[in-house]
Amino acid sequence: MSLRKMLDGVFGSIISKHQSRIYMSELVVERMARGMDEIQLAQDRFAKAMIQYSEQIENHTSAIEGLSKASHELTISAAEQNKVLTRLIKLLEQSPAGVEKMIPEPEEEKEAETIVFPPGCYGRRRSQNRDERVLSIR
């Protein structure tokens, strides 16, 4: 018998046990590699989502800064307008020297002039029948 056959016979059971362990270890390593790939893919997706989120936050921040600046300018403008209005009110409250306050009376409504048409005129006939025409609307 050759040495190889003898060694296979003696150590065959040990080698077969180790081969199954090696095979099982290879399966475990493959599963771990797939898991690592999935984890890497998830991390990449998360990083992309974080980049998008940071861009949105930056846009919102710039919008809020713009609103704050506009609000500040509006406050300044309102303060200036209040000063002008206060001065106008003070000027209006002061009566000019030697002039009485006078509120104009509302003008009375003038009655519409009546036009007199000559006898036999079509306009005269229309003006006479105007009240009847208005009442007989159908």
N, C-alpha and C. Protein backbone atom coordinates (compact mmCIF):
# COMPACT_ATOMS: atom_id res chain seq x y z
N MET A 1 0.82 -1.17 0.00
CA MET A 1 0.00 0.00 0.00
C MET A 1 0.87 1.24 0.00
N SER A 2 0.30 2.19 -0.64
CA SER A 2 1.09 3.41 -0.70
C SER A 2 0.85 4.24 0.56
N LEU A 3 1.74 5.13 0.73
CA LEU A 3 1.68 5.99 1.91
C LEU A 3 0.43 6.87 1.87
N ARG A 4 0.10 7.30 0.71
CA ARG A 4 -1.07 8.18 0.56
C ARG A 4 -2.35 7.46 0.95
N LYS A 5 -2.50 6.24 0.51
CA LYS A 5 -3.71 5.49 0.84
C LYS A 5 -3.75 5.22 2.33
N MET A 6 -2.62 5.02 2.92
CA MET A 6 -2.59 4.78 4.35
C MET A 6 -2.99 6.04 5.12
N LEU A 7 -2.45 7.14 4.68
CA LEU A 7 -2.77 8.40 5.35
C LEU A 7 -4.24 8.75 5.16
N ASP A 8 -4.76 8.48 3.94
CA ASP A 8 -6.18 8.73 3.70
C ASP A 8 -7.04 7.85 4.60
N GLY A 9 -6.62 6.62 4.77
CA GLY A 9 -7.38 5.72 5.61
C GLY A 9 -7.36 6.14 7.06
N VAL A 10 -6.22 6.57 7.53
CA VAL A 10 -6.09 6.93 8.94
C VAL A 10 -6.73 8.30 9.21
N PHE A 11 -6.42 9.22 8.35
CA PHE A 11 -6.91 10.59 8.58
C PHE A 11 -8.14 10.96 7.75
N GLY A 12 -8.73 10.02 7.08
CA GLY A 12 -9.89 10.29 6.21
C GLY A 12 -11.07 10.87 6.95
N SER A 13 -11.36 10.32 8.11
CA SER A 13 -12.51 10.83 8.86
C SER A 13 -12.25 12.25 9.38
N ILE A 14 -11.01 12.50 9.76
CA ILE A 14 -10.67 13.84 10.25
C ILE A 14 -10.76 14.85 9.11
N ILE A 15 -10.24 14.45 7.94
CA ILE A 15 -10.25 15.35 6.78
C ILE A 15 -11.68 15.63 6.34
N SER A 16 -12.52 14.60 6.34
CA SER A 16 -13.90 14.81 5.91
C SER A 16 -14.63 15.75 6.88
N LYS A 17 -14.35 15.63 8.19
CA LYS A 17 -14.95 16.54 9.15
C LYS A 17 -14.51 17.98 8.88
N HIS A 18 -13.24 18.15 8.60
CA HIS A 18 -12.74 19.49 8.35
C HIS A 18 -13.25 20.05 7.02
N GLN A 19 -13.44 19.20 6.04
CA GLN A 19 -13.97 19.68 4.76
C GLN A 19 -15.40 20.20 4.93
N SER A 20 -16.19 19.51 5.71
CA SER A 20 -17.55 20.00 5.93
C SER A 20 -17.52 21.33 6.70
N ARG A 21 -16.58 21.44 7.65
CA ARG A 21 -16.44 22.70 8.37
C ARG A 21 -15.96 23.82 7.43
N ILE A 22 -15.05 23.47 6.56
CA ILE A 22 -14.56 24.45 5.60
C ILE A 22 -15.70 24.88 4.69
N TYR A 23 -16.49 23.93 4.23
CA TYR A 23 -17.63 24.25 3.37
C TYR A 23 -18.62 25.14 4.13
N MET A 24 -18.91 24.79 5.37
CA MET A 24 -19.82 25.60 6.18
C MET A 24 -19.23 27.00 6.41
N SER A 25 -17.93 27.06 6.63
CA SER A 25 -17.28 28.35 6.81
C SER A 25 -17.38 29.19 5.54
N GLU A 26 -17.25 28.56 4.39
CA GLU A 26 -17.38 29.28 3.13
C GLU A 26 -18.79 29.85 2.97
N LEU A 27 -19.82 29.07 3.36
CA LEU A 27 -21.19 29.57 3.30
C LEU A 27 -21.39 30.77 4.23
N VAL A 28 -20.83 30.65 5.43
CA VAL A 28 -20.95 31.74 6.39
C VAL A 28 -20.25 32.98 5.85
N VAL A 29 -19.07 32.79 5.26
CA VAL A 29 -18.34 33.92 4.72
C VAL A 29 -19.12 34.57 3.57
N GLU A 30 -19.74 33.76 2.71
CA GLU A 30 -20.55 34.30 1.62
C GLU A 30 -21.74 35.10 2.15
N ARG A 31 -22.41 34.56 3.16
CA ARG A 31 -23.52 35.29 3.77
C ARG A 31 -23.05 36.59 4.39
N MET A 32 -21.91 36.55 5.05
CA MET A 32 -21.37 37.76 5.66
C MET A 32 -21.00 38.78 4.58
N ALA A 33 -20.45 38.31 3.46
CA ALA A 33 -20.09 39.22 2.37
C ALA A 33 -21.34 39.87 1.78
N ARG A 34 -22.41 39.07 1.59
CA ARG A 34 -23.67 39.64 1.10
C ARG A 34 -24.23 40.66 2.10
N GLY A 35 -24.16 40.30 3.37
CA GLY A 35 -24.62 41.22 4.41
C GLY A 35 -23.82 42.52 4.41
N MET A 36 -22.51 42.40 4.23
CA MET A 36 -21.66 43.60 4.18
C MET A 36 -22.00 44.44 2.95
N ASP A 37 -22.28 43.79 1.82
CA ASP A 37 -22.67 44.52 0.61
C ASP A 37 -23.99 45.26 0.84
N GLU A 38 -24.94 44.59 1.48
CA GLU A 38 -26.22 45.22 1.77
C GLU A 38 -26.05 46.40 2.73
N ILE A 39 -25.19 46.22 3.72
CA ILE A 39 -24.92 47.31 4.67
C ILE A 39 -24.28 48.49 3.94
N GLN A 40 -23.33 48.20 3.04
CA GLN A 40 -22.68 49.27 2.28
C GLN A 40 -23.69 49.99 1.40
N LEU A 41 -24.59 49.24 0.76
CA LEU A 41 -25.62 49.85 -0.08
C LEU A 41 -26.55 50.73 0.77
N ALA A 42 -26.93 50.24 1.94
CA ALA A 42 -27.78 51.02 2.83
C ALA A 42 -27.07 52.29 3.29
N GLN A 43 -25.78 52.19 3.58
CA GLN A 43 -25.02 53.37 3.99
C GLN A 43 -24.93 54.38 2.85
N ASP A 44 -24.76 53.90 1.62
CA ASP A 44 -24.72 54.80 0.46
C ASP A 44 -26.06 55.53 0.30
N ARG A 45 -27.14 54.77 0.42
CA ARG A 45 -28.47 55.39 0.31
C ARG A 45 -28.69 56.42 1.42
N PHE A 46 -28.26 56.07 2.62
CA PHE A 46 -28.40 56.99 3.75
C PHE A 46 -27.57 58.26 3.51
N ALA A 47 -26.37 58.10 2.97
CA ALA A 47 -25.51 59.26 2.71
C ALA A 47 -26.16 60.17 1.66
N LYS A 48 -26.75 59.57 0.61
CA LYS A 48 -27.45 60.37 -0.41
C LYS A 48 -28.64 61.10 0.20
N ALA A 49 -29.38 60.41 1.05
CA ALA A 49 -30.54 61.03 1.70
C ALA A 49 -30.09 62.19 2.60
N MET A 50 -28.99 62.02 3.30
CA MET A 50 -28.47 63.08 4.16
C MET A 50 -28.03 64.29 3.33
N ILE A 51 -27.44 64.04 2.16
CA ILE A 51 -27.02 65.14 1.28
C ILE A 51 -28.25 65.92 0.81
N GLN A 52 -29.29 65.19 0.39
CA GLN A 52 -30.52 65.86 -0.04
C GLN A 52 -31.14 66.65 1.11
N TYR A 53 -31.15 66.06 2.27
CA TYR A 53 -31.72 66.74 3.44
C TYR A 53 -30.93 68.01 3.76
N SER A 54 -29.61 67.93 3.69
CA SER A 54 -28.80 69.12 3.99
C SER A 54 -29.05 70.21 2.96
N GLU A 55 -29.26 69.84 1.68
CA GLU A 55 -29.58 70.84 0.65
C GLU A 55 -30.93 71.50 0.95
N GLN A 56 -31.90 70.70 1.35
CA GLN A 56 -33.22 71.25 1.69
C GLN A 56 -33.12 72.18 2.90
N ILE A 57 -32.38 71.77 3.90
CA ILE A 57 -32.20 72.60 5.09
C ILE A 57 -31.52 73.92 4.71
N GLU A 58 -30.54 73.84 3.81
CA GLU A 58 -29.85 75.06 3.37
C GLU A 58 -30.82 75.99 2.65
N ASN A 59 -31.69 75.43 1.78
CA ASN A 59 -32.68 76.24 1.09
C ASN A 59 -33.66 76.88 2.07
N HIS A 60 -34.12 76.10 3.03
CA HIS A 60 -35.06 76.62 4.02
C HIS A 60 -34.40 77.70 4.88
N THR A 61 -33.14 77.48 5.22
CA THR A 61 -32.42 78.46 6.02
C THR A 61 -32.28 79.78 5.28
N SER A 62 -31.94 79.69 3.99
CA SER A 62 -31.80 80.93 3.22
C SER A 62 -33.16 81.62 3.07
N ALA A 63 -34.23 80.85 2.94
CA ALA A 63 -35.57 81.45 2.85
C ALA A 63 -35.93 82.16 4.16
N ILE A 64 -35.63 81.54 5.27
CA ILE A 64 -35.93 82.14 6.57
C ILE A 64 -35.08 83.39 6.79
N GLU A 65 -33.82 83.34 6.35
CA GLU A 65 -32.97 84.53 6.47
C GLU A 65 -33.54 85.67 5.63
N GLY A 66 -34.04 85.35 4.42
CA GLY A 66 -34.66 86.37 3.58
C GLY A 66 -35.90 86.95 4.23
N LEU A 67 -36.72 86.09 4.83
CA LEU A 67 -37.92 86.58 5.53
C LEU A 67 -37.54 87.46 6.72
N SER A 68 -36.50 87.08 7.42
CA SER A 68 -36.06 87.88 8.56
C SER A 68 -35.59 89.25 8.10
N LYS A 69 -34.84 89.28 7.01
CA LYS A 69 -34.35 90.57 6.48
C LYS A 69 -35.52 91.44 6.03
N ALA A 70 -36.48 90.83 5.32
CA ALA A 70 -37.66 91.58 4.87
C ALA A 70 -38.47 92.09 6.06
N SER A 71 -38.60 91.29 7.09
CA SER A 71 -39.33 91.71 8.30
C SER A 71 -38.63 92.89 8.96
N HIS A 72 -37.31 92.83 9.02
CA HIS A 72 -36.55 93.93 9.62
C HIS A 72 -36.74 95.22 8.82
N GLU A 73 -36.66 95.11 7.50
CA GLU A 73 -36.86 96.28 6.64
C GLU A 73 -38.28 96.83 6.78
N LEU A 74 -39.25 95.92 6.88
CA LEU A 74 -40.64 96.34 7.06
C LEU A 74 -40.84 97.07 8.38
N THR A 75 -40.19 96.60 9.42
CA THR A 75 -40.28 97.26 10.73
C THR A 75 -39.71 98.67 10.65
N ILE A 76 -38.57 98.82 9.99
CA ILE A 76 -37.97 100.14 9.84
C ILE A 76 -38.89 101.05 9.04
N SER A 77 -39.44 100.53 7.95
CA SER A 77 -40.34 101.32 7.11
C SER A 77 -41.59 101.73 7.88
N ALA A 78 -42.15 100.82 8.66
CA ALA A 78 -43.35 101.13 9.45
C ALA A 78 -43.04 102.22 10.48
N ALA A 79 -41.86 102.16 11.08
CA ALA A 79 -41.48 103.18 12.06
C ALA A 79 -41.37 104.55 11.39
N GLU A 80 -40.78 104.59 10.20
CA GLU A 80 -40.68 105.86 9.47
C GLU A 80 -42.06 106.39 9.09
N GLN A 81 -42.93 105.51 8.64
CA GLN A 81 -44.29 105.93 8.29
C GLN A 81 -45.04 106.44 9.50
N ASN A 82 -44.85 105.81 10.65
CA ASN A 82 -45.49 106.29 11.88
C ASN A 82 -45.01 107.69 12.23
N LYS A 83 -43.72 107.95 12.04
CA LYS A 83 -43.20 109.30 12.31
C LYS A 83 -43.86 110.32 11.40
N VAL A 84 -43.96 110.00 10.11
CA VAL A 84 -44.57 110.92 9.14
C VAL A 84 -46.03 111.14 9.49
N LEU A 85 -46.76 110.08 9.80
CA LEU A 85 -48.17 110.21 10.15
C LEU A 85 -48.35 111.04 11.43
N THR A 86 -47.47 110.87 12.39
CA THR A 86 -47.55 111.65 13.62
C THR A 86 -47.36 113.13 13.32
N ARG A 87 -46.40 113.46 12.48
CA ARG A 87 -46.19 114.86 12.10
C ARG A 87 -47.40 115.42 11.37
N LEU A 88 -47.99 114.61 10.45
CA LEU A 88 -49.18 115.08 9.72
C LEU A 88 -50.35 115.34 10.66
N ILE A 89 -50.54 114.46 11.63
CA ILE A 89 -51.64 114.64 12.58
C ILE A 89 -51.43 115.91 13.39
N LYS A 90 -50.19 116.15 13.82
CA LYS A 90 -49.91 117.37 14.58
C LYS A 90 -50.17 118.61 13.73
N LEU A 91 -49.78 118.56 12.46
CA LEU A 91 -50.03 119.70 11.58
C LEU A 91 -51.52 119.92 11.34
N LEU A 92 -52.27 118.86 11.21
CA LEU A 92 -53.70 118.99 10.98
C LEU A 92 -54.43 119.48 12.22
N GLU A 93 -53.93 119.12 13.39
CA GLU A 93 -54.56 119.56 14.63
C GLU A 93 -54.35 121.04 14.88
N GLN A 94 -53.27 121.59 14.37
CA GLN A 94 -53.01 123.02 14.53
C GLN A 94 -53.87 123.78 13.53
N SER A 95 -54.61 124.77 14.02
CA SER A 95 -55.40 125.57 13.10
C SER A 95 -54.53 126.71 12.60
N PRO A 96 -54.61 127.01 11.31
CA PRO A 96 -53.81 128.11 10.78
C PRO A 96 -54.27 129.44 11.41
N ALA A 97 -53.35 130.35 11.56
CA ALA A 97 -53.64 131.64 12.20
C ALA A 97 -54.61 132.45 11.36
N GLY A 98 -55.71 132.91 11.98
CA GLY A 98 -56.67 133.79 11.31
C GLY A 98 -57.63 133.06 10.38
N VAL A 99 -57.60 131.76 10.32
CA VAL A 99 -58.50 131.03 9.42
C VAL A 99 -59.39 130.13 10.28
N GLU A 100 -60.68 130.26 10.03
CA GLU A 100 -61.63 129.40 10.76
C GLU A 100 -61.75 128.06 10.06
N LYS A 101 -61.99 127.07 10.88
CA LYS A 101 -62.22 125.76 10.28
C LYS A 101 -63.59 125.77 9.64
N MET A 102 -63.66 125.31 8.44
CA MET A 102 -64.93 125.31 7.75
C MET A 102 -65.12 123.96 7.05
N ILE A 103 -66.20 123.33 7.37
CA ILE A 103 -66.54 122.07 6.72
C ILE A 103 -67.53 122.38 5.62
N PRO A 104 -67.21 122.06 4.40
CA PRO A 104 -68.13 122.40 3.32
C PRO A 104 -69.42 121.60 3.42
N GLU A 105 -70.52 122.28 3.10
CA GLU A 105 -71.83 121.63 3.11
C GLU A 105 -71.95 120.77 1.85
N PRO A 106 -72.58 119.61 1.98
CA PRO A 106 -72.75 118.78 0.78
C PRO A 106 -73.68 119.49 -0.20
N GLU A 107 -73.38 119.35 -1.46
CA GLU A 107 -74.19 119.99 -2.48
C GLU A 107 -75.52 119.26 -2.61
N GLU A 108 -76.55 120.06 -2.78
CA GLU A 108 -77.88 119.47 -2.95
C GLU A 108 -78.00 118.95 -4.36
N GLU A 109 -78.70 117.88 -4.47
CA GLU A 109 -78.88 117.29 -5.79
C GLU A 109 -79.87 118.15 -6.59
N LYS A 110 -79.46 118.46 -7.78
CA LYS A 110 -80.33 119.24 -8.66
C LYS A 110 -81.25 118.30 -9.39
N GLU A 111 -82.47 118.74 -9.50
CA GLU A 111 -83.42 117.91 -10.22
C GLU A 111 -83.12 118.01 -11.71
N ALA A 112 -83.35 116.91 -12.36
CA ALA A 112 -83.08 116.86 -13.80
C ALA A 112 -84.03 117.81 -14.52
N GLU A 113 -83.49 118.57 -15.44
CA GLU A 113 -84.31 119.50 -16.20
C GLU A 113 -85.25 118.72 -17.10
N THR A 114 -86.47 119.19 -17.15
CA THR A 114 -87.43 118.52 -18.03
C THR A 114 -87.41 119.21 -19.39
N ILE A 115 -87.35 118.40 -20.39
CA ILE A 115 -87.33 118.92 -21.75
C ILE A 115 -88.77 118.89 -22.28
N VAL A 116 -89.18 120.03 -22.82
CA VAL A 116 -90.53 120.12 -23.36
C VAL A 116 -90.44 119.98 -24.88
N PHE A 117 -91.12 118.98 -25.36
CA PHE A 117 -91.14 118.75 -26.80
C PHE A 117 -92.35 119.47 -27.42
N PRO A 118 -92.22 119.94 -28.66
CA PRO A 118 -93.35 120.60 -29.32
C PRO A 118 -94.48 119.61 -29.59
N PRO A 119 -95.70 120.11 -29.76
CA PRO A 119 -96.82 119.20 -30.01
C PRO A 119 -96.60 118.40 -31.29
N GLY A 120 -96.96 117.13 -31.23
CA GLY A 120 -96.85 116.25 -32.38
C GLY A 120 -95.48 115.61 -32.51
N CYS A 121 -94.56 115.94 -31.62
CA CYS A 121 -93.21 115.37 -31.70
C CYS A 121 -93.22 113.96 -31.09
N TYR A 122 -92.43 113.11 -31.69
CA TYR A 122 -92.34 111.72 -31.21
C TYR A 122 -91.78 111.68 -29.79
N GLY A 123 -90.83 112.51 -29.47
CA GLY A 123 -90.24 112.57 -28.13
C GLY A 123 -91.27 112.91 -27.07
N ARG A 124 -92.22 113.81 -27.41
CA ARG A 124 -93.26 114.18 -26.45
C ARG A 124 -94.14 112.97 -26.15
N ARG A 125 -94.47 112.22 -27.19
CA ARG A 125 -95.31 111.04 -26.99
C ARG A 125 -94.58 110.01 -26.13
N ARG A 126 -93.30 109.85 -26.34
CA ARG A 126 -92.52 108.89 -25.53
C ARG A 126 -92.46 109.33 -24.08
N SER A 127 -92.28 110.60 -23.83
CA SER A 127 -92.18 111.06 -22.45
C SER A 127 -93.52 110.94 -21.73
N GLN A 128 -94.63 111.09 -22.47
CA GLN A 128 -95.94 110.93 -21.84
C GLN A 128 -96.22 109.47 -21.51
N ASN A 129 -95.75 108.56 -22.34
CA ASN A 129 -96.01 107.13 -22.15
C ASN A 129 -94.91 106.43 -21.33
N ARG A 130 -93.95 107.16 -20.82
CA ARG A 130 -92.83 106.55 -20.11
C ARG A 130 -93.28 105.80 -18.87
N ASP A 131 -94.16 106.34 -18.07
CA ASP A 131 -94.63 105.68 -16.85
C ASP A 131 -95.36 104.40 -17.18
N GLU A 132 -96.16 104.42 -18.25
CA GLU A 132 -96.89 103.22 -18.64
C GLU A 132 -95.94 102.14 -19.13
N ARG A 133 -94.89 102.51 -19.85
CA ARG A 133 -93.93 101.55 -20.38
C ARG A 133 -93.19 100.85 -19.24
N VAL A 134 -92.79 101.58 -18.24
CA VAL A 134 -92.05 101.01 -17.13
C VAL A 134 -92.89 100.02 -16.38
N LEU A 135 -94.16 100.31 -16.18
CA LEU A 135 -95.04 99.42 -15.42
C LEU A 135 -95.43 98.19 -16.19
N SER A 136 -95.41 98.26 -17.52
CA SER A 136 -95.89 97.12 -18.29
C SER A 136 -94.74 96.27 -18.84
N ILE A 137 -93.70 96.09 -18.09
CA ILE A 137 -92.57 95.26 -18.54
C ILE A 137 -92.98 93.80 -18.42
N ARG A 138 -92.75 93.07 -19.51
CA ARG A 138 -93.11 91.65 -19.50
C ARG A 138 -92.01 90.83 -20.02
